């Protein structure tokens, strides 16, 4: 097949690859604060991705010593509905609005 340059990427060894859509959706990034001080409790964040079908995949994003790099680790799926604290409004809200 013939592909336009805008969907082609160079992979390892400069081999051409086609950049293909796997899914599209919404995301939420959560950080973790100390409940007493409201300062960062940990540098990790949690990235929750929801695709068009409503399926959720979650990852912990852990910064490495090199500030330009992070490690993503699959998080176990939580069955219960969770809420998050919205610092801007000062209220709890559903993870997925």
PDB file of N, CA and C in Angstrom:
ATOM      1  N   UNK A   1       0.846  -1.198   0.000  1.00  0.00           N
ATOM      2  CA  UNK A   1       0.000   0.000   0.000  1.00  0.00           C
ATOM      3  C   UNK A   1       0.879   1.246   0.000  1.00  0.00           C
ATOM      4  N   UNK A   2       0.329   2.312  -0.439  1.00  0.00           N
ATOM      5  CA  UNK A   2       1.016   3.602  -0.483  1.00  0.00           C
ATOM      6  C   UNK A   2       0.464   4.482   0.643  1.00  0.00           C
ATOM      7  N   UNK A   3       1.358   5.058   1.453  1.00  0.00           N
ATOM      8  CA  UNK A   3       0.964   5.921   2.573  1.00  0.00           C
ATOM      9  C   UNK A   3       1.611   7.286   2.401  1.00  0.00           C
ATOM     10  N   UNK A   4       0.920   8.329   2.876  1.00  0.00           N
ATOM     11  CA  UNK A   4       1.502   9.673   2.814  1.00  0.00           C
ATOM     12  C   UNK A   4       2.600   9.788   3.865  1.00  0.00           C
ATOM     13  N   UNK A   5       3.482  10.742   3.680  1.00  0.00           N
ATOM     14  CA  UNK A   5       4.602  10.966   4.612  1.00  0.00           C
ATOM     15  C   UNK A   5       4.109  11.299   6.022  1.00  0.00           C
ATOM     16  N   UNK A   6       2.912  11.884   6.129  1.00  0.00           N
ATOM     17  CA  UNK A   6       2.420  12.320   7.437  1.00  0.00           C
ATOM     18  C   UNK A   6       2.075  11.163   8.374  1.00  0.00           C
ATOM     19  N   UNK A   7       1.898   9.939   7.862  1.00  0.00           N
ATOM     20  CA  UNK A   7       1.599   8.795   8.721  1.00  0.00           C
ATOM     21  C   UNK A   7       2.784   7.836   8.839  1.00  0.00           C
ATOM     22  N   UNK A   8       3.894   8.157   8.202  1.00  0.00           N
ATOM     23  CA  UNK A   8       5.076   7.307   8.257  1.00  0.00           C
ATOM     24  C   UNK A   8       6.034   7.789   9.334  1.00  0.00           C
ATOM     25  N   UNK A   9       6.635   6.841  10.038  1.00  0.00           N
ATOM     26  CA  UNK A   9       7.608   7.148  11.089  1.00  0.00           C
ATOM     27  C   UNK A   9       8.818   6.255  10.873  1.00  0.00           C
ATOM     28  N   UNK A  10       9.969   6.711  11.351  1.00  0.00           N
ATOM     29  CA  UNK A  10      11.173   5.885  11.253  1.00  0.00           C
ATOM     30  C   UNK A  10      11.369   5.155  12.569  1.00  0.00           C
ATOM     31  N   UNK A  11      11.437   3.840  12.483  1.00  0.00           N
ATOM     32  CA  UNK A  11      11.652   3.011  13.663  1.00  0.00           C
ATOM     33  C   UNK A  11      13.119   2.676  13.812  1.00  0.00           C
ATOM     34  N   UNK A  12      13.384   1.615  14.543  1.00  0.00           N
ATOM     35  CA  UNK A  12      14.762   1.170  14.744  1.00  0.00           C
ATOM     36  C   UNK A  12      15.412   0.854  13.411  1.00  0.00           C
ATOM     37  N   UNK A  13      16.655   1.220  13.307  1.00  0.00           N
ATOM     38  CA  UNK A  13      17.392   0.953  12.074  1.00  0.00           C
ATOM     39  C   UNK A  13      16.855   1.744  10.898  1.00  0.00           C
ATOM     40  N   UNK A  14      16.162   2.824  11.177  1.00  0.00           N
ATOM     41  CA  UNK A  14      15.593   3.710  10.153  1.00  0.00           C
ATOM     42  C   UNK A  14      14.584   2.995   9.250  1.00  0.00           C
ATOM     43  N   UNK A  15      13.990   1.891   9.755  1.00  0.00           N
ATOM     44  CA  UNK A  15      12.936   1.211   9.002  1.00  0.00           C
ATOM     45  C   UNK A  15      11.663   2.041   9.075  1.00  0.00           C
ATOM     46  N   UNK A  16      10.963   2.144   7.952  1.00  0.00           N
ATOM     47  CA  UNK A  16       9.709   2.890   7.940  1.00  0.00           C
ATOM     48  C   UNK A  16       8.604   2.084   8.608  1.00  0.00           C
ATOM     49  N   UNK A  17       7.773   2.785   9.368  1.00  0.00           N
ATOM     50  CA  UNK A  17       6.620   2.194  10.039  1.00  0.00           C
ATOM     51  C   UNK A  17       5.418   3.097   9.786  1.00  0.00           C
ATOM     52  N   UNK A  18       4.222   2.507   9.763  1.00  0.00           N
ATOM     53  CA  UNK A  18       2.987   3.280   9.599  1.00  0.00           C
ATOM     54  C   UNK A  18       2.422   3.571  10.991  1.00  0.00           C
ATOM     55  N   UNK A  19       2.231   4.840  11.317  1.00  0.00           N
ATOM     56  CA  UNK A  19       1.642   5.262  12.598  1.00  0.00           C
ATOM     57  C   UNK A  19       0.138   5.029  12.484  1.00  0.00           C
ATOM     58  N   UNK A  20      -0.392   4.085  13.285  1.00  0.00           N
ATOM     59  CA  UNK A  20      -1.776   3.645  13.159  1.00  0.00           C
ATOM     60  C   UNK A  20      -2.554   3.929  14.439  1.00  0.00           C
ATOM     61  N   UNK A  21      -3.764   4.425  14.307  1.00  0.00           N
ATOM     62  CA  UNK A  21      -4.625   4.703  15.463  1.00  0.00           C
ATOM     63  C   UNK A  21      -5.066   3.389  16.094  1.00  0.00           C
ATOM     64  N   UNK A  22      -4.788   3.236  17.378  1.00  0.00           N
ATOM     65  CA  UNK A  22      -5.210   2.049  18.110  1.00  0.00           C
ATOM     66  C   UNK A  22      -6.538   2.331  18.813  1.00  0.00           C
ATOM     67  N   UNK A  23      -6.630   3.477  19.464  1.00  0.00           N
ATOM     68  CA  UNK A  23      -7.885   3.903  20.077  1.00  0.00           C
ATOM     69  C   UNK A  23      -7.793   5.384  20.389  1.00  0.00           C
ATOM     70  N   UNK A  24      -8.915   5.967  20.699  1.00  0.00           N
ATOM     71  CA  UNK A  24      -8.998   7.400  21.009  1.00  0.00           C
ATOM     72  C   UNK A  24      -9.935   7.528  22.191  1.00  0.00           C
ATOM     73  N   UNK A  25      -9.739   8.552  23.008  1.00  0.00           N
ATOM     74  CA  UNK A  25     -10.615   8.686  24.157  1.00  0.00           C
ATOM     75  C   UNK A  25     -10.270   9.856  25.045  1.00  0.00           C
ATOM     76  N   UNK A  26     -10.446   9.651  26.356  1.00  0.00           N
ATOM     77  CA  UNK A  26     -10.235  10.694  27.361  1.00  0.00           C
ATOM     78  C   UNK A  26      -9.179  10.233  28.348  1.00  0.00           C
ATOM     79  N   UNK A  27      -8.642  11.159  29.107  1.00  0.00           N
ATOM     80  CA  UNK A  27      -7.645  10.805  30.111  1.00  0.00           C
ATOM     81  C   UNK A  27      -7.825  11.650  31.362  1.00  0.00           C
ATOM     82  N   UNK A  28      -7.299  11.115  32.483  1.00  0.00           N
ATOM     83  CA  UNK A  28      -7.252  11.836  33.751  1.00  0.00           C
ATOM     84  C   UNK A  28      -5.871  11.580  34.331  1.00  0.00           C
ATOM     85  N   UNK A  29      -5.216  12.620  34.839  1.00  0.00           N
ATOM     86  CA  UNK A  29      -3.936  12.471  35.523  1.00  0.00           C
ATOM     87  C   UNK A  29      -4.149  12.884  36.977  1.00  0.00           C
ATOM     88  N   UNK A  30      -3.781  11.983  37.892  1.00  0.00           N
ATOM     89  CA  UNK A  30      -3.913  12.268  39.325  1.00  0.00           C
ATOM     90  C   UNK A  30      -2.531  12.333  39.954  1.00  0.00           C
ATOM     91  N   UNK A  31      -2.356  13.287  40.856  1.00  0.00           N
ATOM     92  CA  UNK A  31      -1.138  13.331  41.663  1.00  0.00           C
ATOM     93  C   UNK A  31      -1.558  13.007  43.083  1.00  0.00           C
ATOM     94  N   UNK A  32      -0.583  12.726  43.937  1.00  0.00           N
ATOM     95  CA  UNK A  32      -0.872  12.293  45.295  1.00  0.00           C
ATOM     96  C   UNK A  32      -0.333  13.305  46.300  1.00  0.00           C
ATOM     97  N   UNK A  33      -1.243  13.843  47.139  1.00  0.00           N
ATOM     98  CA  UNK A  33      -0.890  14.852  48.136  1.00  0.00           C
ATOM     99  C   UNK A  33      -1.007  14.293  49.543  1.00  0.00           C
ATOM    100  N   UNK A  34      -0.219  14.853  50.451  1.00  0.00           N
ATOM    101  CA  UNK A  34      -0.337  14.540  51.863  1.00  0.00           C
ATOM    102  C   UNK A  34      -1.631  15.206  52.350  1.00  0.00           C
ATOM    103  N   UNK A  35      -2.554  14.463  52.986  1.00  0.00           N
ATOM    104  CA  UNK A  35      -3.840  15.056  53.387  1.00  0.00           C
ATOM    105  C   UNK A  35      -3.733  16.132  54.461  1.00  0.00           C
ATOM    106  N   UNK A  36      -2.632  16.143  55.207  1.00  0.00           N
ATOM    107  CA  UNK A  36      -2.480  17.143  56.255  1.00  0.00           C
ATOM    108  C   UNK A  36      -1.881  18.444  55.734  1.00  0.00           C
ATOM    109  N   UNK A  37      -0.916  18.335  54.818  1.00  0.00           N
ATOM    110  CA  UNK A  37      -0.203  19.530  54.349  1.00  0.00           C
ATOM    111  C   UNK A  37      -0.604  19.959  52.940  1.00  0.00           C
ATOM    112  N   UNK A  38      -1.253  19.062  52.204  1.00  0.00           N
ATOM    113  CA  UNK A  38      -1.600  19.261  50.791  1.00  0.00           C
ATOM    114  C   UNK A  38      -0.368  19.526  49.921  1.00  0.00           C
ATOM    115  N   UNK A  39       0.791  19.027  50.393  1.00  0.00           N
ATOM    116  CA  UNK A  39       2.005  19.065  49.580  1.00  0.00           C
ATOM    117  C   UNK A  39       2.177  17.683  48.962  1.00  0.00           C
ATOM    118  N   UNK A  40       2.962  17.610  47.886  1.00  0.00           N
ATOM    119  CA  UNK A  40       3.155  16.327  47.211  1.00  0.00           C
ATOM    120  C   UNK A  40       3.620  15.257  48.191  1.00  0.00           C
ATOM    121  N   UNK A  41       2.904  14.144  48.221  1.00  0.00           N
ATOM    122  CA  UNK A  41       3.281  13.019  49.073  1.00  0.00           C
ATOM    123  C   UNK A  41       4.284  12.141  48.348  1.00  0.00           C
ATOM    124  N   UNK A  42       4.193  12.137  47.041  1.00  0.00           N
ATOM    125  CA  UNK A  42       5.048  11.295  46.217  1.00  0.00           C
ATOM    126  C   UNK A  42       5.121  11.934  44.840  1.00  0.00           C
ATOM    127  N   UNK A  43       6.194  11.669  44.132  1.00  0.00           N
ATOM    128  CA  UNK A  43       6.351  12.263  42.801  1.00  0.00           C
ATOM    129  C   UNK A  43       5.603  11.492  41.730  1.00  0.00           C
ATOM    130  N   UNK A  44       5.116  10.288  42.066  1.00  0.00           N
ATOM    131  CA  UNK A  44       4.411   9.495  41.062  1.00  0.00           C
ATOM    132  C   UNK A  44       3.056  10.130  40.735  1.00  0.00           C
ATOM    133  N   UNK A  45       2.551   9.802  39.563  1.00  0.00           N
ATOM    134  CA  UNK A  45       1.222  10.221  39.139  1.00  0.00           C
ATOM    135  C   UNK A  45       0.515   8.990  38.600  1.00  0.00           C
ATOM    136  N   UNK A  46      -0.789   9.064  38.484  1.00  0.00           N
ATOM    137  CA  UNK A  46      -1.541   7.975  37.875  1.00  0.00           C
ATOM    138  C   UNK A  46      -2.235   8.517  36.640  1.00  0.00           C
ATOM    139  N   UNK A  47      -2.018   7.847  35.533  1.00  0.00           N
ATOM    140  CA  UNK A  47      -2.635   8.209  34.256  1.00  0.00           C
ATOM    141  C   UNK A  47      -3.732   7.201  33.982  1.00  0.00           C
ATOM    142  N   UNK A  48      -4.966   7.668  33.875  1.00  0.00           N
ATOM    143  CA  UNK A  48      -6.108   6.813  33.565  1.00  0.00           C
ATOM    144  C   UNK A  48      -6.591   7.180  32.171  1.00  0.00           C
ATOM    145  N   UNK A  49      -6.690   6.175  31.322  1.00  0.00           N
ATOM    146  CA  UNK A  49      -7.109   6.376  29.937  1.00  0.00           C
ATOM    147  C   UNK A  49      -8.434   5.663  29.709  1.00  0.00           C
ATOM    148  N   UNK A  50      -9.386   6.352  29.085  1.00  0.00           N
ATOM    149  CA  UNK A  50     -10.679   5.739  28.767  1.00  0.00           C
ATOM    150  C   UNK A  50     -10.867   5.816  27.256  1.00  0.00           C
ATOM    151  N   UNK A  51     -11.038   4.659  26.620  1.00  0.00           N
ATOM    152  CA  UNK A  51     -11.198   4.653  25.162  1.00  0.00           C
ATOM    153  C   UNK A  51     -12.651   4.871  24.753  1.00  0.00           C
ATOM    154  N   UNK A  52     -12.892   4.860  23.446  1.00  0.00           N
ATOM    155  CA  UNK A  52     -14.231   5.131  22.916  1.00  0.00           C
ATOM    156  C   UNK A  52     -15.273   4.142  23.420  1.00  0.00           C
ATOM    157  N   UNK A  53     -14.845   2.938  23.762  1.00  0.00           N
ATOM    158  CA  UNK A  53     -15.764   1.898  24.243  1.00  0.00           C
ATOM    159  C   UNK A  53     -16.026   2.017  25.743  1.00  0.00           C
ATOM    160  N   UNK A  54     -15.339   2.944  26.407  1.00  0.00           N
ATOM    161  CA  UNK A  54     -15.500   3.124  27.852  1.00  0.00           C
ATOM    162  C   UNK A  54     -14.574   2.250  28.672  1.00  0.00           C
ATOM    163  N   UNK A  55     -13.639   1.548  28.027  1.00  0.00           N
ATOM    164  CA  UNK A  55     -12.689   0.704  28.733  1.00  0.00           C
ATOM    165  C   UNK A  55     -11.569   1.573  29.315  1.00  0.00           C
ATOM    166  N   UNK A  56     -11.220   1.307  30.559  1.00  0.00           N
ATOM    167  CA  UNK A  56     -10.220   2.119  31.256  1.00  0.00           C
ATOM    168  C   UNK A  56      -8.926   1.314  31.424  1.00  0.00           C
ATOM    169  N   UNK A  57      -7.801   1.950  31.111  1.00  0.00           N
ATOM    170  CA  UNK A  57      -6.475   1.400  31.345  1.00  0.00           C
ATOM    171  C   UNK A  57      -5.736   2.402  32.204  1.00  0.00           C
ATOM    172  N   UNK A  58      -5.022   1.907  33.229  1.00  0.00           N
ATOM    173  CA  UNK A  58      -4.353   2.818  34.150  1.00  0.00           C
ATOM    174  C   UNK A  58      -2.865   2.491  34.275  1.00  0.00           C
ATOM    175  N   UNK A  59      -2.075   3.551  34.435  1.00  0.00           N
ATOM    176  CA  UNK A  59      -0.628   3.426  34.581  1.00  0.00           C
ATOM    177  C   UNK A  59      -0.148   4.358  35.690  1.00  0.00           C
ATOM    178  N   UNK A  60       0.845   3.918  36.433  1.00  0.00           N
ATOM    179  CA  UNK A  60       1.570   4.822  37.310  1.00  0.00           C
ATOM    180  C   UNK A  60       2.706   5.404  36.481  1.00  0.00           C
ATOM    181  N   UNK A  61       2.917   6.708  36.585  1.00  0.00           N
ATOM    182  CA  UNK A  61       4.008   7.385  35.894  1.00  0.00           C
ATOM    183  C   UNK A  61       4.998   7.810  36.975  1.00  0.00           C
ATOM    184  N   UNK A  62       6.191   7.210  36.914  1.00  0.00           N
ATOM    185  CA  UNK A  62       7.195   7.424  37.954  1.00  0.00           C
ATOM    186  C   UNK A  62       8.388   8.151  37.349  1.00  0.00           C
ATOM    187  N   UNK A  63       8.668   9.377  37.799  1.00  0.00           N
ATOM    188  CA  UNK A  63       9.794  10.125  37.238  1.00  0.00           C
ATOM    189  C   UNK A  63      11.124   9.454  37.576  1.00  0.00           C
ATOM    190  N   UNK A  64      12.054   9.504  36.638  1.00  0.00           N
ATOM    191  CA  UNK A  64      13.396   8.962  36.844  1.00  0.00           C
ATOM    192  C   UNK A  64      14.351  10.101  37.175  1.00  0.00           C
ATOM    193  N   UNK A  65      15.603   9.774  37.467  1.00  0.00           N
ATOM    194  CA  UNK A  65      16.586  10.810  37.812  1.00  0.00           C
ATOM    195  C   UNK A  65      16.741  11.835  36.701  1.00  0.00           C
ATOM    196  N   UNK A  66      16.745  11.361  35.447  1.00  0.00           N
ATOM    197  CA  UNK A  66      16.782  12.265  34.294  1.00  0.00           C
ATOM    198  C   UNK A  66      15.380  12.881  34.168  1.00  0.00           C
ATOM    199  N   UNK A  67      15.254  14.176  34.371  1.00  0.00           N
ATOM    200  CA  UNK A  67      13.933  14.825  34.421  1.00  0.00           C
ATOM    201  C   UNK A  67      13.144  14.706  33.122  1.00  0.00           C
ATOM    202  N   UNK A  68      13.783  14.301  32.047  1.00  0.00           N
ATOM    203  CA  UNK A  68      13.091  14.154  30.768  1.00  0.00           C
ATOM    204  C   UNK A  68      12.526  12.747  30.587  1.00  0.00           C
ATOM    205  N   UNK A  69      12.747  11.878  31.577  1.00  0.00           N
ATOM    206  CA  UNK A  69      12.332  10.488  31.435  1.00  0.00           C
ATOM    207  C   UNK A  69      11.467  10.059  32.607  1.00  0.00           C
ATOM    208  N   UNK A  70      10.493   9.196  32.285  1.00  0.00           N
ATOM    209  CA  UNK A  70       9.632   8.604  33.311  1.00  0.00           C
ATOM    210  C   UNK A  70       9.407   7.143  32.976  1.00  0.00           C
ATOM    211  N   UNK A  71       9.063   6.383  33.975  1.00  0.00           N
ATOM    212  CA  UNK A  71       8.746   4.977  33.819  1.00  0.00           C
ATOM    213  C   UNK A  71       7.240   4.820  33.967  1.00  0.00           C
ATOM    214  N   UNK A  72       6.614   4.101  33.035  1.00  0.00           N
ATOM    215  CA  UNK A  72       5.180   3.819  33.141  1.00  0.00           C
ATOM    216  C   UNK A  72       5.003   2.363  33.526  1.00  0.00           C
ATOM    217  N   UNK A  73       4.224   2.134  34.587  1.00  0.00           N
ATOM    218  CA  UNK A  73       3.972   0.790  35.083  1.00  0.00           C
ATOM    219  C   UNK A  73       2.463   0.569  35.093  1.00  0.00           C
ATOM    220  N   UNK A  74       2.026  -0.544  34.537  1.00  0.00           N
ATOM    221  CA  UNK A  74       0.592  -0.849  34.545  1.00  0.00           C
ATOM    222  C   UNK A  74       0.087  -0.923  35.974  1.00  0.00           C
ATOM    223  N   UNK A  75      -1.053  -0.294  36.214  1.00  0.00           N
ATOM    224  CA  UNK A  75      -1.670  -0.317  37.546  1.00  0.00           C
ATOM    225  C   UNK A  75      -2.791  -1.348  37.541  1.00  0.00           C
ATOM    226  N   UNK A  76      -2.986  -1.979  38.683  1.00  0.00           N
ATOM    227  CA  UNK A  76      -4.098  -2.915  38.789  1.00  0.00           C
ATOM    228  C   UNK A  76      -5.398  -2.136  38.689  1.00  0.00           C
ATOM    229  N   UNK A  77      -6.349  -2.726  37.989  1.00  0.00           N
ATOM    230  CA  UNK A  77      -7.633  -2.058  37.807  1.00  0.00           C
ATOM    231  C   UNK A  77      -8.413  -2.064  39.117  1.00  0.00           C
ATOM    232  N   UNK A  78      -8.941  -0.920  39.470  1.00  0.00           N
ATOM    233  CA  UNK A  78      -9.769  -0.812  40.667  1.00  0.00           C
ATOM    234  C   UNK A  78     -11.219  -0.949  40.252  1.00  0.00           C
ATOM    235  N   UNK A  79     -11.941  -1.821  40.915  1.00  0.00           N
ATOM    236  CA  UNK A  79     -13.334  -2.094  40.541  1.00  0.00           C
ATOM    237  C   UNK A  79     -14.306  -1.017  41.017  1.00  0.00           C
ATOM    238  N   UNK A  80     -13.984  -0.391  42.148  1.00  0.00           N
ATOM    239  CA  UNK A  80     -14.904   0.612  42.698  1.00  0.00           C
ATOM    240  C   UNK A  80     -14.752   1.942  41.962  1.00  0.00           C
ATOM    241  N   UNK A  81     -15.825   2.697  41.942  1.00  0.00           N
ATOM    242  CA  UNK A  81     -15.772   4.040  41.365  1.00  0.00           C
ATOM    243  C   UNK A  81     -14.998   4.935  42.319  1.00  0.00           C
ATOM    244  N   UNK A  82     -14.089   5.696  41.787  1.00  0.00           N
ATOM    245  CA  UNK A  82     -13.283   6.566  42.637  1.00  0.00           C
ATOM    246  C   UNK A  82     -13.625   8.020  42.394  1.00  0.00           C
ATOM    247  N   UNK A  83     -13.276   8.807  43.380  1.00  0.00           N
ATOM    248  CA  UNK A  83     -13.417  10.257  43.268  1.00  0.00           C
ATOM    249  C   UNK A  83     -12.038  10.867  43.389  1.00  0.00           C
ATOM    250  N   UNK A  84     -11.918  12.104  42.988  1.00  0.00           N
ATOM    251  CA  UNK A  84     -10.659  12.840  43.114  1.00  0.00           C
ATOM    252  C   UNK A  84     -10.948  14.174  43.787  1.00  0.00           C
ATOM    253  N   UNK A  85      -9.931  14.708  44.417  1.00  0.00           N
ATOM    254  CA  UNK A  85     -10.031  16.029  45.034  1.00  0.00           C
ATOM    255  C   UNK A  85      -9.629  17.051  43.978  1.00  0.00           C
ATOM    256  N   UNK A  86     -10.495  18.021  43.727  1.00  0.00           N
ATOM    257  CA  UNK A  86     -10.199  19.077  42.778  1.00  0.00           C
ATOM    258  C   UNK A  86      -9.654  20.267  43.576  1.00  0.00           C
ATOM    259  N   UNK A  87      -8.344  20.522  43.437  1.00  0.00           N
ATOM    260  CA  UNK A  87      -7.720  21.614  44.201  1.00  0.00           C
ATOM    261  C   UNK A  87      -8.326  22.967  43.842  1.00  0.00           C
ATOM    262  N   UNK A  88      -8.680  23.158  42.584  1.00  0.00           N
ATOM    263  CA  UNK A  88      -9.198  24.455  42.132  1.00  0.00           C
ATOM    264  C   UNK A  88     -10.541  24.784  42.785  1.00  0.00           C
ATOM    265  N   UNK A  89     -11.444  23.790  42.851  1.00  0.00           N
ATOM    266  CA  UNK A  89     -12.766  24.046  43.419  1.00  0.00           C
ATOM    267  C   UNK A  89     -12.837  23.728  44.907  1.00  0.00           C
ATOM    268  N   UNK A  90     -11.855  22.955  45.423  1.00  0.00           N
ATOM    269  CA  UNK A  90     -11.864  22.568  46.825  1.00  0.00           C
ATOM    270  C   UNK A  90     -12.933  21.546  47.149  1.00  0.00           C
ATOM    271  N   UNK A  91     -13.296  20.715  46.152  1.00  0.00           N
ATOM    272  CA  UNK A  91     -14.353  19.726  46.351  1.00  0.00           C
ATOM    273  C   UNK A  91     -13.975  18.392  45.721  1.00  0.00           C
ATOM    274  N   UNK A  92     -14.645  17.338  46.200  1.00  0.00           N
ATOM    275  CA  UNK A  92     -14.516  16.029  45.571  1.00  0.00           C
ATOM    276  C   UNK A  92     -15.335  16.019  44.296  1.00  0.00           C
ATOM    277  N   UNK A  93     -14.891  15.234  43.321  1.00  0.00           N
ATOM    278  CA  UNK A  93     -15.692  15.032  42.120  1.00  0.00           C
ATOM    279  C   UNK A  93     -15.399  13.660  41.549  1.00  0.00           C
ATOM    280  N   UNK A  94     -16.293  13.172  40.709  1.00  0.00           N
ATOM    281  CA  UNK A  94     -16.098  11.886  40.077  1.00  0.00           C
ATOM    282  C   UNK A  94     -14.853  11.909  39.212  1.00  0.00           C
ATOM    283  N   UNK A  95     -14.156  10.779  39.151  1.00  0.00           N
ATOM    284  CA  UNK A  95     -12.957  10.678  38.322  1.00  0.00           C
ATOM    285  C   UNK A  95     -13.298  10.992  36.865  1.00  0.00           C
ATOM    286  N   UNK A  96     -14.397  10.431  36.371  1.00  0.00           N
ATOM    287  CA  UNK A  96     -14.832  10.679  34.990  1.00  0.00           C
ATOM    288  C   UNK A  96     -16.083  11.533  35.030  1.00  0.00           C
ATOM    289  N   UNK A  97     -15.978  12.780  34.621  1.00  0.00           N
ATOM    290  CA  UNK A  97     -17.127  13.705  34.600  1.00  0.00           C
ATOM    291  C   UNK A  97     -18.056  13.387  33.465  1.00  0.00           C
TER     292      UNK A  97
END
